[in-house]
């Protein structure tokens, strides 16, 4: 089967090896004549980034680059990006990279025309209606990892550097107008990034599947996403140039981000404050948190995991799934505790405060309290 297709769910997606060559055409289709390519510092000088800039330059679209992007981007990165966008007289953004580059790129396109501060658009109630929707610039997303699925999301995660909190900034028009999902761009990822980002996609699918809310479309997408990760992440990890495995992981990443419209839960409620305060890798943090959260939610989710084990390729029902997660993490080099990620002398009181305020709490099958969150942090730290 040739893994090459055009999709329109939830946005226009150009999927397949080599499709980065369509970047200039995607700009034209999105009405962008002066794009600013936004990526992180690590990717800025990589061949895949320079090739993208070459493609833009050859098409007469310039080669403007902004790469002052932290692994957990904050409002200072955003302000610098907006300034670069305005001073360069740009009319759209190419968000290029992993979750950090994609999120910040989307938020630069969103905020470049706004007059209110970014925190006024946090994903609370109808705060998104505060934005001037006519002043939002288009963005194109080009993922270079297979994890966050930010390329199909209507939000961006931004760390408040003062309060050390991760905030979700939402607006429907943050959704990229076109996604170029080219698995060739992910081949050069280091093994630990392949593992961590892949397990981020897995966590999205697991939490969406576990969420108690009614959303049958997301439920089905989450199941297939889990299956794709289980079958393909080890292949991508062990054989980096396996393009079929890489392509299936890119699909799983987009599926996870689509599925979590149904809800996230305690895994993300824990990982968001840990990442904001201690700057750990988000997907790896999710993977470390998953076993403890599965045990917390066991009574609420056992039956549904019993039902799908055969399809996703995991025997033994819910208990078998929990055993699988432990072995999956080990196989992919994921540490057992946050201490192994450099989190020392953690301030559990602050972490609990951050977790209980995180919007992901609302999608957890078991109601989250300060007491059970504290127990979870003690287990994962």
Protein backbone atom coordinates (compact mmCIF):
# COMPACT_ATOMS: atom_id res chain seq x y z
CA UNK A 1 0.00 0.00 0.00
CA UNK A 2 1.32 3.45 -0.91
CA UNK A 3 1.11 5.75 2.10
CA UNK A 4 0.36 8.89 0.13
CA UNK A 5 -2.95 10.73 0.17
CA UNK A 6 -4.78 14.05 0.48
CA UNK A 7 -7.15 14.31 3.44
CA UNK A 8 -9.56 16.97 4.61
CA UNK A 9 -9.95 16.01 8.26
CA UNK A 10 -9.79 18.07 10.37
CA UNK A 11 -7.97 20.35 7.91
CA UNK A 12 -6.32 19.96 4.50
CA UNK A 13 -3.49 17.42 4.83
CA UNK A 14 -0.93 16.54 2.17
CA UNK A 15 0.43 13.23 3.39
CA UNK A 16 3.31 11.24 1.95
CA UNK A 17 7.05 10.92 1.45
CA UNK A 18 8.59 13.79 -0.49
CA UNK A 19 5.63 16.12 -0.21
CA UNK A 20 7.72 18.84 1.38
CA UNK A 21 8.36 19.76 -2.26
CA UNK A 22 4.80 21.17 -2.28
CA UNK A 23 5.61 23.77 0.38
CA UNK A 24 5.61 26.76 -1.99
CA UNK A 25 2.36 25.60 -3.59
CA UNK A 26 0.81 25.29 -0.12
CA UNK A 27 1.78 28.91 0.55
CA UNK A 28 0.08 30.01 -2.66
CA UNK A 29 -3.04 28.01 -1.81
CA UNK A 30 -3.12 29.66 1.64
CA UNK A 31 -2.67 33.17 0.27
CA UNK A 32 0.82 33.55 1.76
CA UNK A 33 3.38 35.53 -0.28
CA UNK A 34 5.88 36.49 2.45
CA UNK A 35 6.11 33.53 4.86
CA UNK A 36 8.08 33.42 8.10
CA UNK A 37 9.32 29.91 8.85
CA UNK A 38 9.26 29.29 12.61
CA UNK A 39 11.22 26.42 14.13
CA UNK A 40 13.32 25.62 17.20
CA UNK A 41 17.01 26.36 17.62
CA UNK A 42 18.06 22.75 17.23
CA UNK A 43 16.38 22.40 13.84
CA UNK A 44 17.37 25.79 12.43
CA UNK A 45 20.58 24.64 10.76
CA UNK A 46 19.50 21.08 9.99
CA UNK A 47 19.37 20.02 6.31
CA UNK A 48 15.59 19.49 6.36
CA UNK A 49 15.09 23.11 7.46
CA UNK A 50 17.57 24.53 5.00
CA UNK A 51 15.93 22.50 2.23
CA UNK A 52 12.55 23.99 3.14
CA UNK A 53 14.04 27.47 3.00
CA UNK A 54 15.65 26.65 -0.37
CA UNK A 55 12.25 25.60 -1.72
CA UNK A 56 10.71 28.88 -0.58
CA UNK A 57 13.54 30.96 -2.01
CA UNK A 58 13.40 29.18 -5.36
CA UNK A 59 9.70 30.04 -5.58
CA UNK A 60 10.35 33.72 -4.89
CA UNK A 61 8.96 33.57 -1.34
CA UNK A 62 12.17 34.54 0.49
CA UNK A 63 13.90 32.49 3.19
CA UNK A 64 12.89 34.24 6.41
CA UNK A 65 13.56 32.19 9.55
CA UNK A 66 12.74 32.65 13.23
CA UNK A 67 14.24 30.06 15.58
CA UNK A 68 14.26 31.62 19.06
CA UNK A 69 12.01 28.85 20.35
CA UNK A 70 12.53 27.11 23.69
CA UNK A 71 11.66 23.41 24.17
CA UNK A 72 8.73 24.67 26.27
CA UNK A 73 8.03 28.00 24.50
CA UNK A 74 7.03 30.99 26.60
CA UNK A 75 5.60 34.46 26.17
CA UNK A 76 9.07 35.96 25.60
CA UNK A 77 9.63 33.64 22.63
CA UNK A 78 6.19 34.66 21.38
CA UNK A 79 6.90 38.38 21.71
CA UNK A 80 10.19 38.01 19.83
CA UNK A 81 8.45 36.01 17.10
CA UNK A 82 5.67 38.56 16.70
CA UNK A 83 8.28 41.31 16.42
CA UNK A 84 10.14 39.35 13.73
CA UNK A 85 6.85 38.77 11.89
CA UNK A 86 5.91 42.46 11.94
CA UNK A 87 9.37 43.83 11.15
CA UNK A 88 9.66 41.49 8.18
CA UNK A 89 6.22 42.49 6.88
CA UNK A 90 5.20 38.84 6.71
CA UNK A 91 1.71 37.69 5.82
CA UNK A 92 1.74 34.12 7.10
CA UNK A 93 3.69 31.53 9.07
CA UNK A 94 5.13 28.13 8.29
CA UNK A 95 5.20 26.30 11.64
CA UNK A 96 8.00 23.76 11.23
CA UNK A 97 9.23 21.17 13.70
CA UNK A 98 8.06 19.32 16.76
CA UNK A 99 5.46 20.51 19.24
CA UNK A 100 7.42 23.58 20.34
CA UNK A 101 7.98 24.95 16.84
CA UNK A 102 4.46 24.12 15.72
CA UNK A 103 2.78 25.65 18.77
CA UNK A 104 4.82 28.84 18.72
CA UNK A 105 4.48 29.25 14.97
CA UNK A 106 0.72 28.96 15.17
CA UNK A 107 0.59 31.43 18.06
CA UNK A 108 2.74 33.97 16.21
CA UNK A 109 0.27 33.89 13.30
CA UNK A 110 -2.56 34.26 15.81
CA UNK A 111 -1.10 37.05 17.94
CA UNK A 112 0.60 39.22 15.28
CA UNK A 113 -2.64 41.13 14.68
CA UNK A 114 -4.07 41.16 18.22
CA UNK A 115 -4.02 44.06 20.70
CA UNK A 116 -4.77 42.12 23.90
CA UNK A 117 -2.16 40.03 25.71
CA UNK A 118 -1.97 36.35 24.92
CA UNK A 119 -3.25 35.18 28.33
CA UNK A 120 -6.62 36.78 27.51
CA UNK A 121 -7.18 33.95 25.02
CA UNK A 122 -6.63 31.02 27.37
CA UNK A 123 -8.91 28.06 26.67
CA UNK A 124 -11.51 29.04 29.26
CA UNK A 125 -15.17 29.33 28.36
CA UNK A 126 -15.62 31.63 25.38
CA UNK A 127 -12.45 33.67 25.91
CA UNK A 128 -11.47 32.92 22.31
CA UNK A 129 -14.24 35.29 21.17
CA UNK A 130 -12.17 38.17 22.56
CA UNK A 131 -9.81 37.86 19.57
CA UNK A 132 -10.11 39.91 16.40
CA UNK A 133 -10.66 36.97 14.06
CA UNK A 134 -10.09 39.15 10.97
CA UNK A 135 -6.56 39.92 12.19
CA UNK A 136 -5.40 36.29 12.38
CA UNK A 137 -2.82 35.37 9.76
CA UNK A 138 -2.79 31.98 8.00
CA UNK A 139 -0.34 29.28 9.00
CA UNK A 140 0.92 26.10 7.39
CA UNK A 141 2.13 23.27 9.63
CA UNK A 142 5.02 20.97 8.75
CA UNK A 143 5.66 18.43 11.52
CA UNK A 144 9.14 16.91 11.80
CA UNK A 145 8.24 14.60 14.70
CA UNK A 146 5.39 12.15 15.20
CA UNK A 147 3.97 13.01 18.58
CA UNK A 148 2.07 16.11 19.59
CA UNK A 149 -0.25 16.29 16.60
CA UNK A 150 -0.20 20.06 16.98
CA UNK A 151 -0.41 20.29 13.20
CA UNK A 152 -4.12 19.45 13.41
CA UNK A 153 -4.88 21.42 16.58
CA UNK A 154 -6.79 24.64 17.17
CA UNK A 155 -4.63 25.61 20.14
CA UNK A 156 -1.05 26.15 21.22
CA UNK A 157 0.57 25.45 24.57
CA UNK A 158 2.54 28.37 26.02
CA UNK A 159 4.48 28.46 29.29
CA UNK A 160 4.03 31.51 31.50
CA UNK A 161 7.63 32.18 32.53
CA UNK A 162 6.55 34.18 35.59
CA UNK A 163 4.14 31.70 37.13
CA UNK A 164 5.78 28.59 35.58
CA UNK A 165 2.42 27.34 34.31
CA UNK A 166 1.55 25.88 30.94
CA UNK A 167 -1.47 27.59 29.38
CA UNK A 168 -3.56 26.43 26.43
CA UNK A 169 -4.32 29.28 24.02
CA UNK A 170 -7.31 28.51 21.81
CA UNK A 171 -9.02 29.89 18.74
CA UNK A 172 -10.64 27.98 15.85
CA UNK A 173 -8.53 29.93 13.33
CA UNK A 174 -5.28 28.75 14.94
CA UNK A 175 -5.90 25.52 13.02
CA UNK A 176 -3.40 25.38 10.14
CA UNK A 177 -4.89 25.90 6.69
CA UNK A 178 -2.67 23.16 5.20
CA UNK A 179 -0.55 20.43 6.76
CA UNK A 180 2.37 18.86 4.93
CA UNK A 181 3.00 15.51 6.64
CA UNK A 182 6.16 14.10 5.06
CA UNK A 183 7.60 11.10 6.93
CA UNK A 184 11.01 11.67 5.34
CA UNK A 185 11.38 14.71 7.63
CA UNK A 186 11.24 12.48 10.73
CA UNK A 187 13.97 10.01 9.72
CA UNK A 188 16.79 11.97 11.34
CA UNK A 189 15.23 12.16 14.80
CA UNK A 190 17.42 10.81 17.63
CA UNK A 191 16.10 7.55 19.07
CA UNK A 192 15.05 9.11 22.38
CA UNK A 193 13.03 11.77 20.54
CA UNK A 194 11.40 9.12 18.35
CA UNK A 195 10.43 7.26 21.54
CA UNK A 196 9.29 10.28 23.55
CA UNK A 197 7.25 11.88 20.78
CA UNK A 198 5.72 8.54 19.80
CA UNK A 199 4.66 7.90 23.36
CA UNK A 200 3.12 11.36 23.47
CA UNK A 201 0.86 10.29 20.60
CA UNK A 202 0.14 7.07 22.50
CA UNK A 203 -0.78 9.02 25.65
CA UNK A 204 -3.18 11.19 23.65
CA UNK A 205 -4.94 8.12 22.31
CA UNK A 206 -5.01 6.31 25.67
CA UNK A 207 -6.42 9.31 27.51
CA UNK A 208 -8.98 10.09 24.81
CA UNK A 209 -10.10 6.44 24.87
CA UNK A 210 -10.31 6.54 28.68
CA UNK A 211 -12.21 9.83 28.89
CA UNK A 212 -15.80 9.45 30.16
CA UNK A 213 -17.27 11.96 27.72
CA UNK A 214 -19.47 10.98 24.77
CA UNK A 215 -17.67 11.42 21.45
CA UNK A 216 -17.88 8.19 19.41
CA UNK A 217 -15.85 9.56 16.49
CA UNK A 218 -12.93 10.38 18.75
CA UNK A 219 -13.35 7.06 20.53
CA UNK A 220 -12.85 5.14 17.30
CA UNK A 221 -9.92 7.30 16.21
CA UNK A 222 -8.23 6.74 19.58
CA UNK A 223 -8.46 2.94 19.21
CA UNK A 224 -6.87 2.93 15.75
CA UNK A 225 -4.24 5.41 16.95
CA UNK A 226 -3.23 3.09 19.79
CA UNK A 227 -2.95 0.18 17.35
CA UNK A 228 -0.73 2.15 14.98
CA UNK A 229 1.63 3.21 17.77
CA UNK A 230 1.86 -0.32 19.19
CA UNK A 231 2.67 -1.77 15.76
CA UNK A 232 4.93 0.96 14.40
CA UNK A 233 6.78 2.82 17.16
CA UNK A 234 9.20 -0.06 17.88
CA UNK A 235 9.94 -0.31 14.13
CA UNK A 236 10.64 3.43 13.84
CA UNK A 237 12.77 3.30 17.00
CA UNK A 238 14.85 0.31 15.90
CA UNK A 239 14.97 1.02 12.14
CA UNK A 240 14.96 4.82 11.71
CA UNK A 241 14.70 4.74 7.92
CA UNK A 242 11.58 2.55 7.85
CA UNK A 243 9.36 5.04 6.00
CA UNK A 244 6.19 2.96 6.39
CA UNK A 245 6.64 2.93 10.17
CA UNK A 246 7.44 6.65 10.16
CA UNK A 247 4.36 7.38 8.05
CA UNK A 248 2.08 5.35 10.31
CA UNK A 249 3.47 7.18 13.34
CA UNK A 250 2.73 10.54 11.70
CA UNK A 251 -0.84 9.33 11.18
CA UNK A 252 -1.06 8.20 14.80
CA UNK A 253 0.15 11.59 16.01
CA UNK A 254 -2.56 13.42 14.07
CA UNK A 255 -5.13 10.88 15.22
CA UNK A 256 -4.20 11.37 18.87
CA UNK A 257 -4.58 15.13 18.63
CA UNK A 258 -7.92 14.72 16.84
CA UNK A 259 -9.14 12.15 19.36
CA UNK A 260 -8.37 14.23 22.42
CA UNK A 261 -11.23 16.53 21.55
CA UNK A 262 -12.98 13.89 23.69
CA UNK A 263 -10.78 14.83 26.62
CA UNK A 264 -7.41 14.31 28.29
CA UNK A 265 -6.82 13.36 31.90
CA UNK A 266 -4.39 12.90 34.76
CA UNK A 267 -1.39 12.03 32.59
CA UNK A 268 -1.43 15.52 31.12
CA UNK A 269 -2.52 17.17 34.36
CA UNK A 270 0.69 15.80 35.90
CA UNK A 271 3.01 16.39 32.96
CA UNK A 272 2.05 20.01 32.29
CA UNK A 273 3.25 21.44 35.64
CA UNK A 274 6.28 19.12 35.69
CA UNK A 275 7.29 20.35 32.23
CA UNK A 276 6.65 23.99 33.07
CA UNK A 277 8.67 23.89 36.28
CA UNK A 278 11.44 21.43 35.42
CA UNK A 279 11.59 21.64 31.60
CA UNK A 280 11.31 17.91 30.98
CA UNK A 281 10.45 16.49 27.57
CA UNK A 282 6.66 16.42 27.34
CA UNK A 283 6.15 13.05 25.66
CA UNK A 284 8.69 11.30 27.87
CA UNK A 285 7.04 12.84 30.93
CA UNK A 286 3.68 11.50 29.77
CA UNK A 287 5.17 8.03 29.38
CA UNK A 288 6.59 8.04 32.92
CA UNK A 289 3.21 9.13 34.31
CA UNK A 290 1.05 6.64 32.39
CA UNK A 291 1.42 3.48 34.57
CA UNK A 292 0.40 5.26 37.79
CA UNK A 293 -2.56 6.96 36.11
CA UNK A 294 -3.80 3.68 34.64
CA UNK A 295 -3.88 2.21 38.15
CA UNK A 296 -5.78 5.23 39.52
CA UNK A 297 -8.40 4.89 36.78
CA UNK A 298 -8.53 1.07 36.75
CA UNK A 299 -12.07 0.56 38.00
CA UNK A 300 -13.48 3.07 35.51
CA UNK A 301 -11.66 1.92 32.38
CA UNK A 302 -11.08 -1.82 32.85
CA UNK A 303 -14.09 -2.92 30.78
CA UNK A 304 -13.34 -0.77 27.75
CA UNK A 305 -9.71 -1.96 27.58
CA UNK A 306 -10.91 -5.54 27.95
CA UNK A 307 -13.03 -4.98 24.85
CA UNK A 308 -10.31 -3.67 22.51
CA UNK A 309 -7.26 -5.69 23.52
CA UNK A 310 -7.53 -8.12 20.63
CA UNK A 311 -7.78 -5.37 18.03
CA UNK A 312 -4.84 -3.31 19.29
CA UNK A 313 -2.72 -6.44 19.71
CA UNK A 314 -2.51 -6.65 23.51
CA UNK A 315 -3.60 -9.80 25.32
CA UNK A 316 -4.86 -10.14 28.89
CA UNK A 317 -7.46 -7.37 29.04
CA UNK A 318 -6.81 -4.31 31.16
CA UNK A 319 -4.18 -5.97 33.36
CA UNK A 320 -2.43 -7.16 30.21
CA UNK A 321 -2.51 -3.62 28.85
CA UNK A 322 -0.90 -2.27 32.03
CA UNK A 323 1.84 -4.90 31.79
CA UNK A 324 2.28 -4.03 28.13
CA UNK A 325 2.75 -0.31 28.95
CA UNK A 326 5.48 -1.14 31.48
CA UNK A 327 7.35 -3.31 28.97
CA UNK A 328 6.75 -0.86 26.11
CA UNK A 329 8.37 1.93 28.14
CA UNK A 330 11.32 -0.32 29.01
CA UNK A 331 11.76 -1.36 25.40
CA UNK A 332 11.90 2.29 24.34
CA UNK A 333 14.34 3.40 27.02
CA UNK A 334 11.84 5.37 29.13
CA UNK A 335 12.93 5.86 32.76
CA UNK A 336 10.78 4.68 35.65
CA UNK A 337 10.76 7.92 37.65
CA UNK A 338 10.98 11.67 37.09
CA UNK A 339 14.19 11.73 39.12
CA UNK A 340 15.81 10.01 36.13
CA UNK A 341 14.77 12.99 33.99
CA UNK A 342 16.55 15.37 36.36
CA UNK A 343 13.61 16.33 38.56
CA UNK A 344 15.22 16.59 42.01
CA UNK A 345 13.73 17.92 45.26
CA UNK A 346 10.43 18.57 43.53
CA UNK A 347 8.01 21.01 45.13
CA UNK A 348 5.01 18.70 45.34
CA UNK A 349 2.74 21.38 46.81
CA UNK A 350 3.30 23.59 43.74
CA UNK A 351 2.92 20.65 41.39
CA UNK A 352 -0.40 19.69 42.95
CA UNK A 353 -1.61 23.28 42.73
CA UNK A 354 -0.66 23.40 39.04
CA UNK A 355 -2.24 20.04 38.28
CA UNK A 356 -5.58 20.71 39.96
CA UNK A 357 -5.92 23.89 37.90
CA UNK A 358 -5.02 22.21 34.61
CA UNK A 359 -7.97 21.84 32.19
CA UNK A 360 -6.95 18.23 31.49
CA UNK A 361 -8.31 17.30 34.93
CA UNK A 362 -11.86 17.50 33.64
CA UNK A 363 -11.44 14.55 31.27
CA UNK A 364 -10.09 12.05 33.78
CA UNK A 365 -12.38 9.06 34.51
CA UNK A 366 -11.77 9.36 38.28
CA UNK A 367 -12.42 12.80 39.76
CA UNK A 368 -9.06 14.37 40.55
CA UNK A 369 -8.48 15.90 43.97
CA UNK A 370 -5.46 17.36 45.68
CA UNK A 371 -5.18 14.14 47.65
CA UNK A 372 -5.07 11.68 44.75
CA UNK A 373 -2.92 14.04 42.67
CA UNK A 374 -0.41 14.19 45.50
CA UNK A 375 -0.34 10.39 45.58
CA UNK A 376 0.25 10.30 41.83
CA UNK A 377 3.12 12.80 42.02
CA UNK A 378 4.71 10.82 44.85
CA UNK A 379 4.45 7.69 42.72
CA UNK A 380 6.04 9.18 39.58
CA UNK A 381 8.69 11.37 41.20
